[in-house]
Amino acid sequence: MERWIAYYKDHYRLKKNRLIKIDQEKGRCEQCKQPANKVKHIDSSRDNHDLSNLKLLCNECFGEALRSIKKVSKYRKLYGFTLDEMVKRWGKSSGYYFYEHRKGTLKDILRKKKNYINNT
């Protein structure tokens, strides 16, 4: 049987503090005062489960909060380019760059491509 792995570090503490937060706020969204049962990490960290870092939100406000977070591609963080930008700039397919990333060789490949482009 496959074992489920918690998405958050110290998941038990998050669950406990979520229940405390619901009790503190009397089950009402901190933004619109509608019934609520979801908590959002204020600092967007998956590791900081302090009560001061949790905000109780209803489904609608929780969805708005998630949509407002500007996400940065992991590829941009690691390599300075998204998969789509790599495909447009150097050709090949996104699958090729994904595979090279998984193998751990993408950084070397991009380093060579950047040097080639900088030298031309």
PDB file of N, CA and C in Angstrom:
ATOM      1  N   MET A   1       0.842  -1.189   0.000  1.00  0.00           N
ATOM      2  CA  MET A   1       0.000   0.000   0.000  1.00  0.00           C
ATOM      3  C   MET A   1       0.886   1.250   0.000  1.00  0.00           C
ATOM      4  N   GLU A   2       0.545   2.225  -0.842  1.00  0.00           N
ATOM      5  CA  GLU A   2       1.319   3.451  -0.932  1.00  0.00           C
ATOM      6  C   GLU A   2       1.013   4.350   0.263  1.00  0.00           C
ATOM      7  N   ARG A   3       2.045   4.932   0.819  1.00  0.00           N
ATOM      8  CA  ARG A   3       1.884   5.783   1.995  1.00  0.00           C
ATOM      9  C   ARG A   3       1.743   7.233   1.561  1.00  0.00           C
ATOM     10  N   TRP A   4       0.780   7.948   2.147  1.00  0.00           N
ATOM     11  CA  TRP A   4       0.553   9.347   1.824  1.00  0.00           C
ATOM     12  C   TRP A   4       1.571  10.198   2.562  1.00  0.00           C
ATOM     13  N   ILE A   5       2.170  11.138   1.872  1.00  0.00           N
ATOM     14  CA  ILE A   5       3.161  12.021   2.473  1.00  0.00           C
ATOM     15  C   ILE A   5       2.554  13.412   2.582  1.00  0.00           C
ATOM     16  N   ALA A   6       2.652  14.014   3.770  1.00  0.00           N
ATOM     17  CA  ALA A   6       2.081  15.341   4.006  1.00  0.00           C
ATOM     18  C   ALA A   6       2.754  16.382   3.123  1.00  0.00           C
ATOM     19  N   TYR A   7       1.980  17.325   2.646  1.00  0.00           N
ATOM     20  CA  TYR A   7       2.444  18.404   1.791  1.00  0.00           C
ATOM     21  C   TYR A   7       3.275  19.399   2.592  1.00  0.00           C
ATOM     22  N   TYR A   8       2.949  19.553   3.857  1.00  0.00           N
ATOM     23  CA  TYR A   8       3.619  20.513   4.719  1.00  0.00           C
ATOM     24  C   TYR A   8       4.507  19.817   5.733  1.00  0.00           C
ATOM     25  N   LYS A   9       5.644  20.452   6.038  1.00  0.00           N
ATOM     26  CA  LYS A   9       6.473  19.993   7.143  1.00  0.00           C
ATOM     27  C   LYS A   9       5.669  20.168   8.420  1.00  0.00           C
ATOM     28  N   ASP A  10       5.799  19.252   9.347  1.00  0.00           N
ATOM     29  CA  ASP A  10       5.117  19.340  10.641  1.00  0.00           C
ATOM     30  C   ASP A  10       3.603  19.534  10.437  1.00  0.00           C
ATOM     31  N   HIS A  11       3.031  18.673   9.628  1.00  0.00           N
ATOM     32  CA  HIS A  11       1.614  18.763   9.262  1.00  0.00           C
ATOM     33  C   HIS A  11       0.702  18.726  10.490  1.00  0.00           C
ATOM     34  N   TYR A  12       1.089  17.971  11.506  1.00  0.00           N
ATOM     35  CA  TYR A  12       0.279  17.892  12.711  1.00  0.00           C
ATOM     36  C   TYR A  12       0.114  19.269  13.354  1.00  0.00           C
ATOM     37  N   ARG A  13       1.197  20.032  13.417  1.00  0.00           N
ATOM     38  CA  ARG A  13       1.136  21.372  14.028  1.00  0.00           C
ATOM     39  C   ARG A  13       0.226  22.291  13.214  1.00  0.00           C
ATOM     40  N   LEU A  14       0.283  22.200  11.900  1.00  0.00           N
ATOM     41  CA  LEU A  14      -0.594  22.997  11.048  1.00  0.00           C
ATOM     42  C   LEU A  14      -2.058  22.661  11.327  1.00  0.00           C
ATOM     43  N   LYS A  15      -2.372  21.368  11.388  1.00  0.00           N
ATOM     44  CA  LYS A  15      -3.754  20.959  11.645  1.00  0.00           C
ATOM     45  C   LYS A  15      -4.234  21.462  13.002  1.00  0.00           C
ATOM     46  N   LYS A  16      -3.374  21.334  14.027  1.00  0.00           N
ATOM     47  CA  LYS A  16      -3.721  21.783  15.377  1.00  0.00           C
ATOM     48  C   LYS A  16      -3.953  23.298  15.397  1.00  0.00           C
ATOM     49  N   ASN A  17      -3.047  24.064  14.797  1.00  0.00           N
ATOM     50  CA  ASN A  17      -3.175  25.520  14.792  1.00  0.00           C
ATOM     51  C   ASN A  17      -4.341  25.991  13.929  1.00  0.00           C
ATOM     52  N   ARG A  18      -4.677  25.235  12.893  1.00  0.00           N
ATOM     53  CA  ARG A  18      -5.859  25.560  12.080  1.00  0.00           C
ATOM     54  C   ARG A  18      -7.113  25.494  12.936  1.00  0.00           C
ATOM     55  N   LEU A  19      -7.234  24.454  13.740  1.00  0.00           N
ATOM     56  CA  LEU A  19      -8.403  24.319  14.611  1.00  0.00           C
ATOM     57  C   LEU A  19      -8.442  25.430  15.656  1.00  0.00           C
ATOM     58  N   ILE A  20      -7.294  25.776  16.192  1.00  0.00           N
ATOM     59  CA  ILE A  20      -7.235  26.883  17.164  1.00  0.00           C
ATOM     60  C   ILE A  20      -7.651  28.189  16.494  1.00  0.00           C
ATOM     61  N   LYS A  21      -7.160  28.427  15.275  1.00  0.00           N
ATOM     62  CA  LYS A  21      -7.485  29.654  14.536  1.00  0.00           C
ATOM     63  C   LYS A  21      -8.980  29.724  14.241  1.00  0.00           C
ATOM     64  N   ILE A  22      -9.580  28.602  13.870  1.00  0.00           N
ATOM     65  CA  ILE A  22     -11.031  28.571  13.621  1.00  0.00           C
ATOM     66  C   ILE A  22     -11.777  28.939  14.893  1.00  0.00           C
ATOM     67  N   ASP A  23     -11.328  28.418  16.022  1.00  0.00           N
ATOM     68  CA  ASP A  23     -11.955  28.724  17.306  1.00  0.00           C
ATOM     69  C   ASP A  23     -11.769  30.203  17.668  1.00  0.00           C
ATOM     70  N   GLN A  24     -10.577  30.741  17.484  1.00  0.00           N
ATOM     71  CA  GLN A  24     -10.295  32.142  17.799  1.00  0.00           C
ATOM     72  C   GLN A  24     -11.173  33.095  16.993  1.00  0.00           C
ATOM     73  N   GLU A  25     -11.352  32.776  15.733  1.00  0.00           N
ATOM     74  CA  GLU A  25     -12.112  33.657  14.834  1.00  0.00           C
ATOM     75  C   GLU A  25     -13.591  33.281  14.774  1.00  0.00           C
ATOM     76  N   LYS A  26     -13.990  32.354  15.613  1.00  0.00           N
ATOM     77  CA  LYS A  26     -15.387  31.890  15.689  1.00  0.00           C
ATOM     78  C   LYS A  26     -15.901  31.399  14.335  1.00  0.00           C
ATOM     79  N   GLY A  27     -14.975  30.775  13.564  1.00  0.00           N
ATOM     80  CA  GLY A  27     -15.352  30.174  12.297  1.00  0.00           C
ATOM     81  C   GLY A  27     -15.694  31.159  11.205  1.00  0.00           C
ATOM     82  N   ARG A  28     -15.264  32.414  11.346  1.00  0.00           N
ATOM     83  CA  ARG A  28     -15.585  33.456  10.361  1.00  0.00           C
ATOM     84  C   ARG A  28     -14.341  33.927   9.623  1.00  0.00           C
ATOM     85  N   CYS A  29     -14.498  34.178   8.338  1.00  0.00           N
ATOM     86  CA  CYS A  29     -13.414  34.664   7.493  1.00  0.00           C
ATOM     87  C   CYS A  29     -12.905  35.999   8.042  1.00  0.00           C
ATOM     88  N   GLU A  30     -11.604  36.141   8.100  1.00  0.00           N
ATOM     89  CA  GLU A  30     -11.009  37.378   8.620  1.00  0.00           C
ATOM     90  C   GLU A  30     -11.169  38.544   7.655  1.00  0.00           C
ATOM     91  N   GLN A  31     -11.527  38.295   6.412  1.00  0.00           N
ATOM     92  CA  GLN A  31     -11.703  39.368   5.436  1.00  0.00           C
ATOM     93  C   GLN A  31     -13.161  39.770   5.264  1.00  0.00           C
ATOM     94  N   CYS A  32     -14.056  38.777   5.111  1.00  0.00           N
ATOM     95  CA  CYS A  32     -15.448  39.122   4.771  1.00  0.00           C
ATOM     96  C   CYS A  32     -16.463  38.658   5.808  1.00  0.00           C
ATOM     97  N   LYS A  33     -16.001  37.969   6.841  1.00  0.00           N
ATOM     98  CA  LYS A  33     -16.839  37.502   7.965  1.00  0.00           C
ATOM     99  C   LYS A  33     -17.837  36.411   7.592  1.00  0.00           C
ATOM    100  N   GLN A  34     -17.672  35.790   6.411  1.00  0.00           N
ATOM    101  CA  GLN A  34     -18.501  34.643   6.037  1.00  0.00           C
ATOM    102  C   GLN A  34     -17.968  33.396   6.749  1.00  0.00           C
ATOM    103  N   PRO A  35     -18.756  32.317   6.836  1.00  0.00           N
ATOM    104  CA  PRO A  35     -18.232  31.081   7.431  1.00  0.00           C
ATOM    105  C   PRO A  35     -16.957  30.637   6.695  1.00  0.00           C
ATOM    106  N   ALA A  36     -15.970  30.183   7.476  1.00  0.00           N
ATOM    107  CA  ALA A  36     -14.667  29.860   6.888  1.00  0.00           C
ATOM    108  C   ALA A  36     -14.070  28.614   7.525  1.00  0.00           C
ATOM    109  N   ASN A  37     -13.233  27.928   6.760  1.00  0.00           N
ATOM    110  CA  ASN A  37     -12.545  26.752   7.305  1.00  0.00           C
ATOM    111  C   ASN A  37     -11.155  26.535   6.703  1.00  0.00           C
ATOM    112  N   LYS A  38     -10.644  27.499   5.933  1.00  0.00           N
ATOM    113  CA  LYS A  38      -9.323  27.355   5.321  1.00  0.00           C
ATOM    114  C   LYS A  38      -8.359  28.349   5.958  1.00  0.00           C
ATOM    115  N   VAL A  39      -7.104  27.920   6.087  1.00  0.00           N
ATOM    116  CA  VAL A  39      -6.087  28.855   6.583  1.00  0.00           C
ATOM    117  C   VAL A  39      -5.065  29.110   5.489  1.00  0.00           C
ATOM    118  N   LYS A  40      -4.619  30.340   5.410  1.00  0.00           N
ATOM    119  CA  LYS A  40      -3.605  30.776   4.447  1.00  0.00           C
ATOM    120  C   LYS A  40      -2.387  31.219   5.234  1.00  0.00           C
ATOM    121  N   HIS A  41      -1.216  30.767   4.812  1.00  0.00           N
ATOM    122  CA  HIS A  41       0.023  31.234   5.419  1.00  0.00           C
ATOM    123  C   HIS A  41       0.259  32.665   4.935  1.00  0.00           C
ATOM    124  N   ILE A  42       0.326  33.607   5.838  1.00  0.00           N
ATOM    125  CA  ILE A  42       0.470  35.016   5.480  1.00  0.00           C
ATOM    126  C   ILE A  42       1.768  35.250   4.709  1.00  0.00           C
ATOM    127  N   ASP A  43       2.853  34.619   5.155  1.00  0.00           N
ATOM    128  CA  ASP A  43       4.140  34.812   4.484  1.00  0.00           C
ATOM    129  C   ASP A  43       4.367  33.831   3.330  1.00  0.00           C
ATOM    130  N   SER A  44       3.345  33.076   2.970  1.00  0.00           N
ATOM    131  CA  SER A  44       3.387  32.081   1.890  1.00  0.00           C
ATOM    132  C   SER A  44       4.426  30.989   2.107  1.00  0.00           C
ATOM    133  N   SER A  45       4.843  30.798   3.342  1.00  0.00           N
ATOM    134  CA  SER A  45       5.810  29.761   3.684  1.00  0.00           C
ATOM    135  C   SER A  45       5.068  28.486   4.042  1.00  0.00           C
ATOM    136  N   ARG A  46       5.601  27.354   3.646  1.00  0.00           N
ATOM    137  CA  ARG A  46       4.991  26.074   4.010  1.00  0.00           C
ATOM    138  C   ARG A  46       5.516  25.576   5.345  1.00  0.00           C
ATOM    139  N   ASP A  47       6.467  26.283   5.916  1.00  0.00           N
ATOM    140  CA  ASP A  47       7.110  25.814   7.139  1.00  0.00           C
ATOM    141  C   ASP A  47       6.701  26.581   8.386  1.00  0.00           C
ATOM    142  N   ASN A  48       6.175  27.782   8.248  1.00  0.00           N
ATOM    143  CA  ASN A  48       5.856  28.631   9.391  1.00  0.00           C
ATOM    144  C   ASN A  48       4.380  28.486   9.758  1.00  0.00           C
ATOM    145  N   HIS A  49       4.093  27.608  10.723  1.00  0.00           N
ATOM    146  CA  HIS A  49       2.706  27.342  11.106  1.00  0.00           C
ATOM    147  C   HIS A  49       2.296  28.073  12.383  1.00  0.00           C
ATOM    148  N   ASP A  50       3.011  29.145  12.732  1.00  0.00           N
ATOM    149  CA  ASP A  50       2.646  29.922  13.920  1.00  0.00           C
ATOM    150  C   ASP A  50       1.252  30.508  13.730  1.00  0.00           C
ATOM    151  N   LEU A  51       0.522  30.635  14.816  1.00  0.00           N
ATOM    152  CA  LEU A  51      -0.828  31.207  14.732  1.00  0.00           C
ATOM    153  C   LEU A  51      -0.798  32.617  14.140  1.00  0.00           C
ATOM    154  N   SER A  52       0.248  33.374  14.457  1.00  0.00           N
ATOM    155  CA  SER A  52       0.352  34.743  13.943  1.00  0.00           C
ATOM    156  C   SER A  52       0.565  34.768  12.428  1.00  0.00           C
ATOM    157  N   ASN A  53       0.958  33.649  11.834  1.00  0.00           N
ATOM    158  CA  ASN A  53       1.195  33.564  10.397  1.00  0.00           C
ATOM    159  C   ASN A  53       0.031  32.924   9.647  1.00  0.00           C
ATOM    160  N   LEU A  54      -1.020  32.542  10.337  1.00  0.00           N
ATOM    161  CA  LEU A  54      -2.177  31.909   9.700  1.00  0.00           C
ATOM    162  C   LEU A  54      -3.349  32.867   9.666  1.00  0.00           C
ATOM    163  N   LYS A  55      -4.038  32.890   8.550  1.00  0.00           N
ATOM    164  CA  LYS A  55      -5.215  33.739   8.390  1.00  0.00           C
ATOM    165  C   LYS A  55      -6.378  32.848   7.983  1.00  0.00           C
ATOM    166  N   LEU A  56      -7.476  32.928   8.704  1.00  0.00           N
ATOM    167  CA  LEU A  56      -8.660  32.122   8.414  1.00  0.00           C
ATOM    168  C   LEU A  56      -9.457  32.781   7.296  1.00  0.00           C
ATOM    169  N   LEU A  57      -9.744  32.006   6.242  1.00  0.00           N
ATOM    170  CA  LEU A  57     -10.442  32.540   5.076  1.00  0.00           C
ATOM    171  C   LEU A  57     -11.547  31.602   4.617  1.00  0.00           C
ATOM    172  N   CYS A  58     -12.591  32.190   4.008  1.00  0.00           N
ATOM    173  CA  CYS A  58     -13.637  31.390   3.372  1.00  0.00           C
ATOM    174  C   CYS A  58     -13.102  30.913   2.020  1.00  0.00           C
ATOM    175  N   ASN A  59     -13.844  30.067   1.341  1.00  0.00           N
ATOM    176  CA  ASN A  59     -13.399  29.536   0.042  1.00  0.00           C
ATOM    177  C   ASN A  59     -13.126  30.637  -0.974  1.00  0.00           C
ATOM    178  N   GLU A  60     -14.021  31.630  -1.035  1.00  0.00           N
ATOM    179  CA  GLU A  60     -13.872  32.693  -2.026  1.00  0.00           C
ATOM    180  C   GLU A  60     -12.630  33.550  -1.755  1.00  0.00           C
ATOM    181  N   CYS A  61     -12.447  33.971  -0.518  1.00  0.00           N
ATOM    182  CA  CYS A  61     -11.289  34.801  -0.173  1.00  0.00           C
ATOM    183  C   CYS A  61      -9.989  34.012  -0.290  1.00  0.00           C
ATOM    184  N   PHE A  62     -10.037  32.720   0.030  1.00  0.00           N
ATOM    185  CA  PHE A  62      -8.860  31.869  -0.098  1.00  0.00           C
ATOM    186  C   PHE A  62      -8.446  31.775  -1.571  1.00  0.00           C
ATOM    187  N   GLY A  63      -9.427  31.583  -2.448  1.00  0.00           N
ATOM    188  CA  GLY A  63      -9.145  31.526  -3.878  1.00  0.00           C
ATOM    189  C   GLY A  63      -8.560  32.832  -4.395  1.00  0.00           C
ATOM    190  N   GLU A  64      -9.109  33.967  -3.947  1.00  0.00           N
ATOM    191  CA  GLU A  64      -8.581  35.272  -4.350  1.00  0.00           C
ATOM    192  C   GLU A  64      -7.151  35.447  -3.862  1.00  0.00           C
ATOM    193  N   ALA A  65      -6.878  35.005  -2.638  1.00  0.00           N
ATOM    194  CA  ALA A  65      -5.530  35.125  -2.074  1.00  0.00           C
ATOM    195  C   ALA A  65      -4.538  34.300  -2.894  1.00  0.00           C
ATOM    196  N   LEU A  66      -4.934  33.106  -3.300  1.00  0.00           N
ATOM    197  CA  LEU A  66      -4.035  32.270  -4.097  1.00  0.00           C
ATOM    198  C   LEU A  66      -3.792  32.864  -5.482  1.00  0.00           C
ATOM    199  N   ARG A  67      -4.835  33.425  -6.079  1.00  0.00           N
ATOM    200  CA  ARG A  67      -4.683  34.017  -7.413  1.00  0.00           C
ATOM    201  C   ARG A  67      -3.802  35.262  -7.382  1.00  0.00           C
ATOM    202  N   SER A  68      -3.750  35.939  -6.243  1.00  0.00           N
ATOM    203  CA  SER A  68      -2.981  37.180  -6.160  1.00  0.00           C
ATOM    204  C   SER A  68      -1.486  36.938  -5.990  1.00  0.00           C
ATOM    205  N   ILE A  69      -1.092  35.702  -5.659  1.00  0.00           N
ATOM    206  CA  ILE A  69       0.321  35.391  -5.489  1.00  0.00           C
ATOM    207  C   ILE A  69       0.961  35.284  -6.869  1.00  0.00           C
ATOM    208  N   LYS A  70       1.999  36.062  -7.081  1.00  0.00           N
ATOM    209  CA  LYS A  70       2.695  35.999  -8.361  1.00  0.00           C
ATOM    210  C   LYS A  70       3.672  34.835  -8.302  1.00  0.00           C
ATOM    211  N   LYS A  71       3.400  33.819  -9.107  1.00  0.00           N
ATOM    212  CA  LYS A  71       4.244  32.633  -9.106  1.00  0.00           C
ATOM    213  C   LYS A  71       5.382  32.798 -10.108  1.00  0.00           C
ATOM    214  N   VAL A  72       6.534  32.331  -9.704  1.00  0.00           N
ATOM    215  CA  VAL A  72       7.705  32.373 -10.565  1.00  0.00           C
ATOM    216  C   VAL A  72       8.053  30.936 -10.924  1.00  0.00           C
ATOM    217  N   SER A  73       8.252  30.703 -12.194  1.00  0.00           N
ATOM    218  CA  SER A  73       8.594  29.375 -12.680  1.00  0.00           C
ATOM    219  C   SER A  73       9.846  28.863 -11.981  1.00  0.00           C
ATOM    220  N   LYS A  74       9.835  27.579 -11.602  1.00  0.00           N
ATOM    221  CA  LYS A  74      11.024  26.997 -10.980  1.00  0.00           C
ATOM    222  C   LYS A  74      12.196  27.011 -11.953  1.00  0.00           C
ATOM    223  N   TYR A  75      11.907  26.922 -13.241  1.00  0.00           N
ATOM    224  CA  TYR A  75      12.971  26.959 -14.235  1.00  0.00           C
ATOM    225  C   TYR A  75      13.588  28.357 -14.310  1.00  0.00           C
ATOM    226  N   ARG A  76      12.762  29.390 -14.173  1.00  0.00           N
ATOM    227  CA  ARG A  76      13.300  30.756 -14.161  1.00  0.00           C
ATOM    228  C   ARG A  76      14.177  30.947 -12.931  1.00  0.00           C
ATOM    229  N   LYS A  77      13.741  30.410 -11.782  1.00  0.00           N
ATOM    230  CA  LYS A  77      14.536  30.528 -10.562  1.00  0.00           C
ATOM    231  C   LYS A  77      15.883  29.824 -10.717  1.00  0.00           C
ATOM    232  N   LEU A  78      15.858  28.643 -11.300  1.00  0.00           N
ATOM    233  CA  LEU A  78      17.075  27.838 -11.411  1.00  0.00           C
ATOM    234  C   LEU A  78      17.989  28.267 -12.549  1.00  0.00           C
ATOM    235  N   TYR A  79      17.383  28.612 -13.706  1.00  0.00           N
ATOM    236  CA  TYR A  79      18.174  28.803 -14.920  1.00  0.00           C
ATOM    237  C   TYR A  79      18.048  30.184 -15.559  1.00  0.00           C
ATOM    238  N   GLY A  80      17.108  30.990 -15.080  1.00  0.00           N
ATOM    239  CA  GLY A  80      16.925  32.321 -15.668  1.00  0.00           C
ATOM    240  C   GLY A  80      15.971  32.358 -16.841  1.00  0.00           C
ATOM    241  N   PHE A  81      15.380  31.212 -17.204  1.00  0.00           N
ATOM    242  CA  PHE A  81      14.445  31.117 -18.323  1.00  0.00           C
ATOM    243  C   PHE A  81      13.325  30.145 -17.972  1.00  0.00           C
ATOM    244  N   THR A  82      12.119  30.377 -18.485  1.00  0.00           N
ATOM    245  CA  THR A  82      11.057  29.386 -18.383  1.00  0.00           C
ATOM    246  C   THR A  82      11.270  28.351 -19.489  1.00  0.00           C
ATOM    247  N   LEU A  83      10.553  27.238 -19.417  1.00  0.00           N
ATOM    248  CA  LEU A  83      10.658  26.229 -20.489  1.00  0.00           C
ATOM    249  C   LEU A  83      10.288  26.839 -21.839  1.00  0.00           C
ATOM    250  N   ASP A  84       9.202  27.614 -21.870  1.00  0.00           N
ATOM    251  CA  ASP A  84       8.764  28.226 -23.133  1.00  0.00           C
ATOM    252  C   ASP A  84       9.820  29.161 -23.698  1.00  0.00           C
ATOM    253  N   GLU A  85      10.486  29.925 -22.822  1.00  0.00           N
ATOM    254  CA  GLU A  85      11.533  30.833 -23.291  1.00  0.00           C
ATOM    255  C   GLU A  85      12.721  30.060 -23.864  1.00  0.00           C
ATOM    256  N   MET A  86      13.054  28.926 -23.249  1.00  0.00           N
ATOM    257  CA  MET A  86      14.143  28.103 -23.769  1.00  0.00           C
ATOM    258  C   MET A  86      13.803  27.570 -25.155  1.00  0.00           C
ATOM    259  N   VAL A  87      12.563  27.102 -25.326  1.00  0.00           N
ATOM    260  CA  VAL A  87      12.127  26.565 -26.621  1.00  0.00           C
ATOM    261  C   VAL A  87      12.196  27.659 -27.689  1.00  0.00           C
ATOM    262  N   LYS A  88      11.699  28.854 -27.387  1.00  0.00           N
ATOM    263  CA  LYS A  88      11.705  29.952 -28.362  1.00  0.00           C
ATOM    264  C   LYS A  88      13.123  30.407 -28.688  1.00  0.00           C
ATOM    265  N   ARG A  89      13.973  30.413 -27.671  1.00  0.00           N
ATOM    266  CA  ARG A  89      15.320  30.935 -27.848  1.00  0.00           C
ATOM    267  C   ARG A  89      16.260  29.962 -28.552  1.00  0.00           C
ATOM    268  N   TRP A  90      16.196  28.684 -28.173  1.00  0.00           N
ATOM    269  CA  TRP A  90      17.177  27.717 -28.671  1.00  0.00           C
ATOM    270  C   TRP A  90      16.568  26.535 -29.422  1.00  0.00           C
ATOM    271  N   GLY A  91      15.244  26.495 -29.583  1.00  0.00           N
ATOM    272  CA  GLY A  91      14.644  25.368 -30.277  1.00  0.00           C
ATOM    273  C   GLY A  91      14.509  24.160 -29.374  1.00  0.00           C
ATOM    274  N   LYS A  92      14.409  23.000 -29.941  1.00  0.00           N
ATOM    275  CA  LYS A  92      14.134  21.752 -29.232  1.00  0.00           C
ATOM    276  C   LYS A  92      12.714  21.828 -28.656  1.00  0.00           C
ATOM    277  N   SER A  93      12.355  20.869 -27.819  1.00  0.00           N
ATOM    278  CA  SER A  93      11.010  20.861 -27.235  1.00  0.00           C
ATOM    279  C   SER A  93      11.108  21.104 -25.735  1.00  0.00           C
ATOM    280  N   SER A  94       9.991  21.443 -25.128  1.00  0.00           N
ATOM    281  CA  SER A  94       9.988  21.620 -23.674  1.00  0.00           C
ATOM    282  C   SER A  94      10.304  20.291 -22.991  1.00  0.00           C
ATOM    283  N   GLY A  95       9.900  19.184 -23.612  1.00  0.00           N
ATOM    284  CA  GLY A  95      10.208  17.859 -23.074  1.00  0.00           C
ATOM    285  C   GLY A  95      11.705  17.602 -22.999  1.00  0.00           C
ATOM    286  N   TYR A  96      12.437  18.099 -24.007  1.00  0.00           N
ATOM    287  CA  TYR A  96      13.890  17.957 -24.018  1.00  0.00           C
ATOM    288  C   TYR A  96      14.490  18.668 -22.817  1.00  0.00           C
ATOM    289  N   TYR A  97      14.098  19.923 -22.584  1.00  0.00           N
ATOM    290  CA  TYR A  97      14.649  20.691 -21.466  1.00  0.00           C
ATOM    291  C   TYR A  97      14.220  20.095 -20.128  1.00  0.00           C
ATOM    292  N   PHE A  98      12.996  19.615 -20.065  1.00  0.00           N
ATOM    293  CA  PHE A  98      12.513  18.961 -18.841  1.00  0.00           C
ATOM    294  C   PHE A  98      13.352  17.721 -18.539  1.00  0.00           C
ATOM    295  N   TYR A  99      13.606  16.903 -19.572  1.00  0.00           N
ATOM    296  CA  TYR A  99      14.386  15.681 -19.402  1.00  0.00           C
ATOM    297  C   TYR A  99      15.813  16.002 -18.950  1.00  0.00           C
ATOM    298  N   GLU A 100      16.424  17.001 -19.566  1.00  0.00           N
ATOM    299  CA  GLU A 100      17.788  17.391 -19.193  1.00  0.00           C
ATOM    300  C   GLU A 100      17.814  17.934 -17.760  1.00  0.00           C
ATOM    301  N   HIS A 101      16.763  18.634 -17.377  1.00  0.00           N
ATOM    302  CA  HIS A 101      16.654  19.114 -15.989  1.00  0.00           C
ATOM    303  C   HIS A 101      16.613  17.931 -15.025  1.00  0.00           C
ATOM    304  N   ARG A 102      15.783  16.938 -15.345  1.00  0.00           N
ATOM    305  CA  ARG A 102      15.660  15.751 -14.490  1.00  0.00           C
ATOM    306  C   ARG A 102      16.983  14.988 -14.385  1.00  0.00           C
ATOM    307  N   LYS A 103      17.747  14.957 -15.479  1.00  0.00           N
ATOM    308  CA  LYS A 103      19.048  14.278 -15.479  1.00  0.00           C
ATOM    309  C   LYS A 103      20.106  15.083 -14.730  1.00  0.00           C
ATOM    310  N   GLY A 104      19.853  16.382 -14.547  1.00  0.00           N
ATOM    311  CA  GLY A 104      20.822  17.238 -13.871  1.00  0.00           C
ATOM    312  C   GLY A 104      21.849  17.859 -14.806  1.00  0.00           C
ATOM    313  N   THR A 105      21.588  17.795 -16.102  1.00  0.00           N
ATOM    314  CA  THR A 105      22.556  18.306 -17.075  1.00  0.00           C
ATOM    315  C   THR A 105      22.130  19.618 -17.734  1.00  0.00           C
ATOM    316  N   LEU A 106      20.956  20.115 -17.416  1.00  0.00           N
ATOM    317  CA  LEU A 106      20.438  21.309 -18.099  1.00  0.00           C
ATOM    318  C   LEU A 106      21.297  22.544 -17.820  1.00  0.00           C
ATOM    319  N   LYS A 107      21.788  22.692 -16.611  1.00  0.00           N
ATOM    320  CA  LYS A 107      22.600  23.868 -16.286  1.00  0.00           C
ATOM    321  C   LYS A 107      23.833  23.936 -17.186  1.00  0.00           C
ATOM    322  N   ASP A 108      24.501  22.810 -17.402  1.00  0.00           N
ATOM    323  CA  ASP A 108      25.684  22.786 -18.269  1.00  0.00           C
ATOM    324  C   ASP A 108      25.312  23.098 -19.721  1.00  0.00           C
ATOM    325  N   ILE A 109      24.208  22.544 -20.182  1.00  0.00           N
ATOM    326  CA  ILE A 109      23.751  22.785 -21.558  1.00  0.00           C
ATOM    327  C   ILE A 109      23.458  24.269 -21.760  1.00  0.00           C
ATOM    328  N   LEU A 110      22.756  24.884 -20.792  1.00  0.00           N
ATOM    329  CA  LEU A 110      22.413  26.304 -20.916  1.00  0.00           C
ATOM    330  C   LEU A 110      23.653  27.178 -20.789  1.00  0.00           C
ATOM    331  N   ARG A 111      24.577  26.780 -19.958  1.00  0.00           N
ATOM    332  CA  ARG A 111      25.812  27.550 -19.807  1.00  0.00           C
ATOM    333  C   ARG A 111      26.539  27.625 -21.163  1.00  0.00           C
ATOM    334  N   LYS A 112      26.598  26.523 -21.877  1.00  0.00           N
ATOM    335  CA  LYS A 112      27.232  26.501 -23.198  1.00  0.00           C
ATOM    336  C   LYS A 112      26.461  27.371 -24.183  1.00  0.00           C
ATOM    337  N   LYS A 113      25.134  27.289 -24.144  1.00  0.00           N
ATOM    338  CA  LYS A 113      24.311  28.089 -25.062  1.00  0.00           C
ATOM    339  C   LYS A 113      24.466  29.579 -24.764  1.00  0.00           C
ATOM    340  N   LYS A 114      24.481  29.948 -23.487  1.00  0.00           N
ATOM    341  CA  LYS A 114      24.635  31.367 -23.118  1.00  0.00           C
ATOM    342  C   LYS A 114      25.995  31.883 -23.551  1.00  0.00           C
ATOM    343  N   ASN A 115      27.057  31.078 -23.355  1.00  0.00           N
ATOM    344  CA  ASN A 115      28.389  31.490 -23.790  1.00  0.00           C
ATOM    345  C   ASN A 115      28.426  31.664 -25.295  1.00  0.00           C
ATOM    346  N   TYR A 116      27.780  30.756 -26.015  1.00  0.00           N
ATOM    347  CA  TYR A 116      27.741  30.848 -27.480  1.00  0.00           C
ATOM    348  C   TYR A 116      27.045  32.132 -27.907  1.00  0.00           C
ATOM    349  N   ILE A 117      25.930  32.450 -27.255  1.00  0.00           N
ATOM    350  CA  ILE A 117      25.179  33.645 -27.604  1.00  0.00           C
ATOM    351  C   ILE A 117      25.964  34.901 -27.221  1.00  0.00           C
ATOM    352  N   ASN A 118      26.621  34.890 -26.047  1.00  0.00           N
ATOM    353  CA  ASN A 118      27.396  36.059 -25.617  1.00  0.00           C
ATOM    354  C   ASN A 118      28.610  36.305 -26.508  1.00  0.00           C
ATOM    355  N   ASN A 119      29.162  35.240 -27.112  1.00  0.00           N
ATOM    356  CA  ASN A 119      30.337  35.384 -27.957  1.00  0.00           C
ATOM    357  C   ASN A 119      30.002  35.775 -29.397  1.00  0.00           C
ATOM    358  N   THR A 120      28.738  35.716 -29.783  1.00  0.00           N
ATOM    359  CA  THR A 120      28.376  36.070 -31.181  1.00  0.00           C
ATOM    360  C   THR A 120      27.937  37.491 -31.297  1.00  0.00           C
TER     361      THR A 120
END
